[in-house]
PDB file of N, CA and C in Angstrom:
ATOM      1  N   UNK A   1      82.028  63.882  91.679  1.00  0.00           N
ATOM      2  CA  UNK A   1      83.394  63.389  91.764  1.00  0.00           C
ATOM      3  C   UNK A   1      84.356  64.560  91.567  1.00  0.00           C
ATOM      4  N   UNK A   2      85.307  64.694  92.469  1.00  0.00           N
ATOM      5  CA  UNK A   2      86.307  65.748  92.376  1.00  0.00           C
ATOM      6  C   UNK A   2      87.461  65.294  91.501  1.00  0.00           C
ATOM      7  N   UNK A   3      87.983  66.225  90.728  1.00  0.00           N
ATOM      8  CA  UNK A   3      89.136  65.912  89.892  1.00  0.00           C
ATOM      9  C   UNK A   3      90.347  66.679  90.399  1.00  0.00           C
ATOM     10  N   UNK A   4      91.516  66.181  90.069  1.00  0.00           N
ATOM     11  CA  UNK A   4      92.741  66.816  90.499  1.00  0.00           C
ATOM     12  C   UNK A   4      93.846  66.523  89.491  1.00  0.00           C
ATOM     13  N   UNK A   5      94.888  67.328  89.566  1.00  0.00           N
ATOM     14  CA  UNK A   5      96.043  67.157  88.688  1.00  0.00           C
ATOM     15  C   UNK A   5      97.035  66.218  89.348  1.00  0.00           C
ATOM     16  N   UNK A   6      97.623  65.340  88.562  1.00  0.00           N
ATOM     17  CA  UNK A   6      98.613  64.416  89.106  1.00  0.00           C
ATOM     18  C   UNK A   6     100.040  64.809  88.764  1.00  0.00           C
ATOM     19  N   UNK A   7     100.210  65.708  87.790  1.00  0.00           N
ATOM     20  CA  UNK A   7     101.565  66.098  87.418  1.00  0.00           C
ATOM     21  C   UNK A   7     101.895  67.462  87.998  1.00  0.00           C
ATOM     22  N   UNK A   8     103.134  67.592  88.458  1.00  0.00           N
ATOM     23  CA  UNK A   8     103.636  68.844  88.995  1.00  0.00           C
ATOM     24  C   UNK A   8     105.067  69.035  88.523  1.00  0.00           C
ATOM     25  N   UNK A   9     105.477  70.276  88.427  1.00  0.00           N
ATOM     26  CA  UNK A   9     106.861  70.561  88.073  1.00  0.00           C
ATOM     27  C   UNK A   9     107.601  70.952  89.347  1.00  0.00           C
ATOM     28  N   UNK A  10     108.546  70.095  89.735  1.00  0.00           N
ATOM     29  CA  UNK A  10     109.351  70.355  90.932  1.00  0.00           C
ATOM     30  C   UNK A  10     110.527  71.226  90.529  1.00  0.00           C
ATOM     31  N   UNK A  11     110.768  72.280  91.305  1.00  0.00           N
ATOM     32  CA  UNK A  11     111.907  73.163  91.077  1.00  0.00           C
ATOM     33  C   UNK A  11     112.816  73.117  92.293  1.00  0.00           C
ATOM     34  N   UNK A  12     114.070  72.760  92.065  1.00  0.00           N
ATOM     35  CA  UNK A  12     115.041  72.683  93.147  1.00  0.00           C
ATOM     36  C   UNK A  12     115.437  74.092  93.584  1.00  0.00           C
ATOM     37  N   UNK A  13     115.330  74.385  94.881  1.00  0.00           N
ATOM     38  CA  UNK A  13     115.695  75.711  95.365  1.00  0.00           C
ATOM     39  C   UNK A  13     117.211  75.944  95.380  1.00  0.00           C
ATOM     40  N   UNK A  14     117.976  74.867  95.294  1.00  0.00           N
ATOM     41  CA  UNK A  14     119.437  74.993  95.325  1.00  0.00           C
ATOM     42  C   UNK A  14     120.026  75.341  93.966  1.00  0.00           C
ATOM     43  N   UNK A  15     119.584  74.623  92.924  1.00  0.00           N
ATOM     44  CA  UNK A  15     120.203  74.799  91.599  1.00  0.00           C
ATOM     45  C   UNK A  15     119.223  75.265  90.523  1.00  0.00           C
ATOM     46  N   UNK A  16     117.920  75.252  90.829  1.00  0.00           N
ATOM     47  CA  UNK A  16     116.930  75.695  89.856  1.00  0.00           C
ATOM     48  C   UNK A  16     116.507  74.636  88.852  1.00  0.00           C
ATOM     49  N   UNK A  17     117.031  73.418  88.975  1.00  0.00           N
ATOM     50  CA  UNK A  17     116.661  72.329  88.068  1.00  0.00           C
ATOM     51  C   UNK A  17     115.163  72.058  88.194  1.00  0.00           C
ATOM     52  N   UNK A  18     114.503  71.840  87.064  1.00  0.00           N
ATOM     53  CA  UNK A  18     113.060  71.572  87.049  1.00  0.00           C
ATOM     54  C   UNK A  18     112.783  70.231  86.398  1.00  0.00           C
ATOM     55  N   UNK A  19     111.804  69.531  86.939  1.00  0.00           N
ATOM     56  CA  UNK A  19     111.426  68.235  86.381  1.00  0.00           C
ATOM     57  C   UNK A  19     109.944  68.003  86.637  1.00  0.00           C
ATOM     58  N   UNK A  20     109.255  67.475  85.626  1.00  0.00           N
ATOM     59  CA  UNK A  20     107.851  67.093  85.768  1.00  0.00           C
ATOM     60  C   UNK A  20     107.795  65.728  86.454  1.00  0.00           C
ATOM     61  N   UNK A  21     107.002  65.642  87.503  1.00  0.00           N
ATOM     62  CA  UNK A  21     106.826  64.387  88.249  1.00  0.00           C
ATOM     63  C   UNK A  21     105.342  64.077  88.380  1.00  0.00           C
ATOM     64  N   UNK A  22     105.026  62.801  88.479  1.00  0.00           N
ATOM     65  CA  UNK A  22     103.660  62.356  88.738  1.00  0.00           C
ATOM     66  C   UNK A  22     103.525  62.103  90.230  1.00  0.00           C
ATOM     67  N   UNK A  23     102.529  62.742  90.844  1.00  0.00           N
ATOM     68  CA  UNK A  23     102.327  62.610  92.284  1.00  0.00           C
ATOM     69  C   UNK A  23     101.493  61.371  92.600  1.00  0.00           C
ATOM     70  N   UNK A  24     101.845  60.660  93.653  1.00  0.00           N
ATOM     71  CA  UNK A  24     101.011  59.535  94.075  1.00  0.00           C
ATOM     72  C   UNK A  24      99.731  60.053  94.729  1.00  0.00           C
ATOM     73  N   UNK A  25      98.691  59.253  94.674  1.00  0.00           N
ATOM     74  CA  UNK A  25      97.425  59.656  95.300  1.00  0.00           C
ATOM     75  C   UNK A  25      97.205  58.963  96.639  1.00  0.00           C
ATOM     76  N   UNK A  26      98.030  57.970  96.956  1.00  0.00           N
ATOM     77  CA  UNK A  26      97.809  57.187  98.173  1.00  0.00           C
ATOM     78  C   UNK A  26      98.916  57.321  99.197  1.00  0.00           C
ATOM     79  N   UNK A  27      99.899  58.184  98.941  1.00  0.00           N
ATOM     80  CA  UNK A  27     101.006  58.335  99.881  1.00  0.00           C
ATOM     81  C   UNK A  27     101.648  59.701  99.715  1.00  0.00           C
ATOM     82  N   UNK A  28     102.288  60.160 100.780  1.00  0.00           N
ATOM     83  CA  UNK A  28     103.044  61.405 100.724  1.00  0.00           C
ATOM     84  C   UNK A  28     104.456  61.118 100.247  1.00  0.00           C
ATOM     85  N   UNK A  29     105.088  62.143  99.713  1.00  0.00           N
ATOM     86  CA  UNK A  29     106.506  62.033  99.404  1.00  0.00           C
ATOM     87  C   UNK A  29     107.212  63.094 100.233  1.00  0.00           C
ATOM     88  N   UNK A  30     107.927  62.640 101.248  1.00  0.00           N
ATOM     89  CA  UNK A  30     108.585  63.556 102.167  1.00  0.00           C
ATOM     90  C   UNK A  30     110.003  63.893 101.738  1.00  0.00           C
ATOM     91  N   UNK A  31     110.576  63.097 100.852  1.00  0.00           N
ATOM     92  CA  UNK A  31     111.936  63.344 100.385  1.00  0.00           C
ATOM     93  C   UNK A  31     111.972  63.259  98.869  1.00  0.00           C
ATOM     94  N   UNK A  32     112.836  64.083  98.270  1.00  0.00           N
ATOM     95  CA  UNK A  32     112.980  64.084  96.823  1.00  0.00           C
ATOM     96  C   UNK A  32     114.416  64.482  96.506  1.00  0.00           C
ATOM     97  N   UNK A  33     115.121  63.661  95.736  1.00  0.00           N
ATOM     98  CA  UNK A  33     116.486  63.985  95.348  1.00  0.00           C
ATOM     99  C   UNK A  33     116.492  64.673  93.996  1.00  0.00           C
ATOM    100  N   UNK A  34     117.066  65.875  93.957  1.00  0.00           N
ATOM    101  CA  UNK A  34     117.159  66.645  92.727  1.00  0.00           C
ATOM    102  C   UNK A  34     118.063  65.923  91.733  1.00  0.00           C
ATOM    103  N   UNK A  35     117.595  65.778  90.504  1.00  0.00           N
ATOM    104  CA  UNK A  35     118.409  65.146  89.463  1.00  0.00           C
ATOM    105  C   UNK A  35     119.552  66.048  89.010  1.00  0.00           C
ATOM    106  N   UNK A  36     119.443  67.338  89.283  1.00  0.00           N
ATOM    107  CA  UNK A  36     120.467  68.280  88.856  1.00  0.00           C
ATOM    108  C   UNK A  36     121.674  68.319  89.777  1.00  0.00           C
ATOM    109  N   UNK A  37     121.433  68.560  91.079  1.00  0.00           N
ATOM    110  CA  UNK A  37     122.542  68.739  92.024  1.00  0.00           C
ATOM    111  C   UNK A  37     122.584  67.686  93.126  1.00  0.00           C
ATOM    112  N   UNK A  38     121.628  66.772  93.125  1.00  0.00           N
ATOM    113  CA  UNK A  38     121.535  65.681  94.098  1.00  0.00           C
ATOM    114  C   UNK A  38     121.188  66.141  95.516  1.00  0.00           C
ATOM    115  N   UNK A  39     120.705  67.376  95.670  1.00  0.00           N
ATOM    116  CA  UNK A  39     120.243  67.851  96.972  1.00  0.00           C
ATOM    117  C   UNK A  39     119.003  67.069  97.377  1.00  0.00           C
ATOM    118  N   UNK A  40     118.941  66.671  98.645  1.00  0.00           N
ATOM    119  CA  UNK A  40     117.769  65.973  99.163  1.00  0.00           C
ATOM    120  C   UNK A  40     116.789  67.018  99.681  1.00  0.00           C
ATOM    121  N   UNK A  41     115.659  67.153  99.000  1.00  0.00           N
ATOM    122  CA  UNK A  41     114.639  68.116  99.383  1.00  0.00           C
ATOM    123  C   UNK A  41     113.688  67.497 100.400  1.00  0.00           C
ATOM    124  N   UNK A  42     113.285  68.310 101.372  1.00  0.00           N
ATOM    125  CA  UNK A  42     112.318  67.908 102.392  1.00  0.00           C
ATOM    126  C   UNK A  42     111.250  68.998 102.447  1.00  0.00           C
ATOM    127  N   UNK A  43     110.046  68.681 102.891  1.00  0.00           N
ATOM    128  CA  UNK A  43     108.996  69.706 102.964  1.00  0.00           C
ATOM    129  C   UNK A  43     109.424  70.885 103.833  1.00  0.00           C
ATOM    130  N   UNK A  44     109.010  72.076 103.434  1.00  0.00           N
ATOM    131  CA  UNK A  44     109.246  73.271 104.231  1.00  0.00           C
ATOM    132  C   UNK A  44     108.307  73.258 105.433  1.00  0.00           C
ATOM    133  N   UNK A  45     108.649  73.964 106.503  1.00  0.00           N
ATOM    134  CA  UNK A  45     107.749  74.018 107.666  1.00  0.00           C
ATOM    135  C   UNK A  45     106.350  74.469 107.259  1.00  0.00           C
ATOM    136  N   UNK A  46     105.357  73.718 107.701  1.00  0.00           N
ATOM    137  CA  UNK A  46     103.961  74.028 107.381  1.00  0.00           C
ATOM    138  C   UNK A  46     103.424  73.314 106.154  1.00  0.00           C
ATOM    139  N   UNK A  47     104.309  72.702 105.354  1.00  0.00           N
ATOM    140  CA  UNK A  47     103.876  71.934 104.173  1.00  0.00           C
ATOM    141  C   UNK A  47     103.920  70.452 104.494  1.00  0.00           C
ATOM    142  N   UNK A  48     103.044  69.694 103.831  1.00  0.00           N
ATOM    143  CA  UNK A  48     102.949  68.265 104.138  1.00  0.00           C
ATOM    144  C   UNK A  48     103.875  67.390 103.305  1.00  0.00           C
ATOM    145  N   UNK A  49     104.315  67.888 102.138  1.00  0.00           N
ATOM    146  CA  UNK A  49     105.138  67.051 101.280  1.00  0.00           C
ATOM    147  C   UNK A  49     105.991  67.920 100.352  1.00  0.00           C
ATOM    148  N   UNK A  50     106.909  67.303  99.643  1.00  0.00           N
ATOM    149  CA  UNK A  50     107.789  68.055  98.740  1.00  0.00           C
ATOM    150  C   UNK A  50     107.019  68.682  97.593  1.00  0.00           C
ATOM    151  N   UNK A  51     105.899  68.099  97.200  1.00  0.00           N
ATOM    152  CA  UNK A  51     105.097  68.677  96.118  1.00  0.00           C
ATOM    153  C   UNK A  51     104.488  70.012  96.551  1.00  0.00           C
ATOM    154  N   UNK A  52     104.027  70.089  97.783  1.00  0.00           N
ATOM    155  CA  UNK A  52     103.450  71.332  98.287  1.00  0.00           C
ATOM    156  C   UNK A  52     104.525  72.408  98.458  1.00  0.00           C
ATOM    157  N   UNK A  53     105.747  72.000  98.769  1.00  0.00           N
ATOM    158  CA  UNK A  53     106.825  72.960  98.979  1.00  0.00           C
ATOM    159  C   UNK A  53     107.496  73.414  97.689  1.00  0.00           C
ATOM    160  N   UNK A  54     107.731  72.492  96.759  1.00  0.00           N
ATOM    161  CA  UNK A  54     108.561  72.808  95.601  1.00  0.00           C
ATOM    162  C   UNK A  54     107.887  72.564  94.255  1.00  0.00           C
ATOM    163  N   UNK A  55     106.643  72.083  94.281  1.00  0.00           N
ATOM    164  CA  UNK A  55     105.941  71.784  93.046  1.00  0.00           C
ATOM    165  C   UNK A  55     105.093  72.944  92.551  1.00  0.00           C
ATOM    166  N   UNK A  56     104.744  72.886  91.285  1.00  0.00           N
ATOM    167  CA  UNK A  56     103.881  73.905  90.681  1.00  0.00           C
ATOM    168  C   UNK A  56     102.416  73.658  91.024  1.00  0.00           C
ATOM    169  N   UNK A  57     102.112  72.454  91.526  1.00  0.00           N
ATOM    170  CA  UNK A  57     100.753  72.058  91.895  1.00  0.00           C
ATOM    171  C   UNK A  57     100.824  71.404  93.266  1.00  0.00           C
ATOM    172  N   UNK A  58      99.900  71.745  94.147  1.00  0.00           N
ATOM    173  CA  UNK A  58      99.837  71.116  95.470  1.00  0.00           C
ATOM    174  C   UNK A  58      99.472  69.637  95.334  1.00  0.00           C
ATOM    175  N   UNK A  59      99.679  68.868  96.380  1.00  0.00           N
ATOM    176  CA  UNK A  59      99.397  67.431  96.363  1.00  0.00           C
ATOM    177  C   UNK A  59      97.898  67.172  96.164  1.00  0.00           C
ATOM    178  N   UNK A  60      97.536  65.993  95.631  1.00  0.00           N
ATOM    179  CA  UNK A  60      96.124  65.682  95.364  1.00  0.00           C
ATOM    180  C   UNK A  60      95.185  65.864  96.556  1.00  0.00           C
ATOM    181  N   UNK A  61      95.529  65.440  97.785  1.00  0.00           N
ATOM    182  CA  UNK A  61      94.593  65.654  98.895  1.00  0.00           C
ATOM    183  C   UNK A  61      94.260  67.136  99.132  1.00  0.00           C
ATOM    184  N   UNK A  62      95.244  68.011  99.003  1.00  0.00           N
ATOM    185  CA  UNK A  62      94.969  69.432  99.190  1.00  0.00           C
ATOM    186  C   UNK A  62      94.169  69.993  98.026  1.00  0.00           C
ATOM    187  N   UNK A  63      94.384  69.478  96.831  1.00  0.00           N
ATOM    188  CA  UNK A  63      93.624  69.938  95.662  1.00  0.00           C
ATOM    189  C   UNK A  63      92.127  69.681  95.809  1.00  0.00           C
ATOM    190  N   UNK A  64      91.807  68.523  96.369  1.00  0.00           N
ATOM    191  CA  UNK A  64      90.380  68.166  96.491  1.00  0.00           C
ATOM    192  C   UNK A  64      89.771  68.570  97.831  1.00  0.00           C
ATOM    193  N   UNK A  65      90.603  69.139  98.697  1.00  0.00           N
ATOM    194  CA  UNK A  65      90.076  69.646  99.959  1.00  0.00           C
ATOM    195  C   UNK A  65      89.917  68.641 101.058  1.00  0.00           C
ATOM    196  N   UNK A  66      90.623  67.508 100.979  1.00  0.00           N
ATOM    197  CA  UNK A  66      90.517  66.508 102.036  1.00  0.00           C
ATOM    198  C   UNK A  66      91.592  66.680 103.096  1.00  0.00           C
ATOM    199  N   UNK A  67      92.403  67.697 102.957  1.00  0.00           N
ATOM    200  CA  UNK A  67      93.455  67.957 103.946  1.00  0.00           C
ATOM    201  C   UNK A  67      94.789  67.409 103.476  1.00  0.00           C
ATOM    202  N   UNK A  68      95.747  67.711 104.267  1.00  0.00           N
ATOM    203  CA  UNK A  68      97.129  67.332 103.974  1.00  0.00           C
ATOM    204  C   UNK A  68      97.289  65.810 103.956  1.00  0.00           C
ATOM    205  N   UNK A  69      98.058  65.326 102.994  1.00  0.00           N
ATOM    206  CA  UNK A  69      98.290  63.878 102.905  1.00  0.00           C
ATOM    207  C   UNK A  69      99.042  63.375 104.119  1.00  0.00           C
ATOM    208  N   UNK A  70      99.760  64.233 104.814  1.00  0.00           N
ATOM    209  CA  UNK A  70     100.529  63.853 105.981  1.00  0.00           C
ATOM    210  C   UNK A  70      99.644  63.585 107.193  1.00  0.00           C
ATOM    211  N   UNK A  71      98.444  64.138 107.192  1.00  0.00           N
ATOM    212  CA  UNK A  71      97.558  63.972 108.335  1.00  0.00           C
ATOM    213  C   UNK A  71      96.335  63.131 108.032  1.00  0.00           C
ATOM    214  N   UNK A  72      96.272  62.607 106.820  1.00  0.00           N
ATOM    215  CA  UNK A  72      95.100  61.835 106.405  1.00  0.00           C
ATOM    216  C   UNK A  72      95.089  60.463 107.041  1.00  0.00           C
TER     217      UNK A  72
END
């Protein structure tokens, strides 16, 4: 059985605000509103979700090697 981390620290590229979030295991999160400046974050080109783009930990599917949650 593969294990993975569910918590990631999202850092807003606009204002630098950081927040610990729990990632879902059954869905992608393509949008995330920063609690600091209210900027709507979207995945960067080549990333499948906001966690892969702005989080300290990649999304669970990438952690366990099953591929991007966006293409699963």
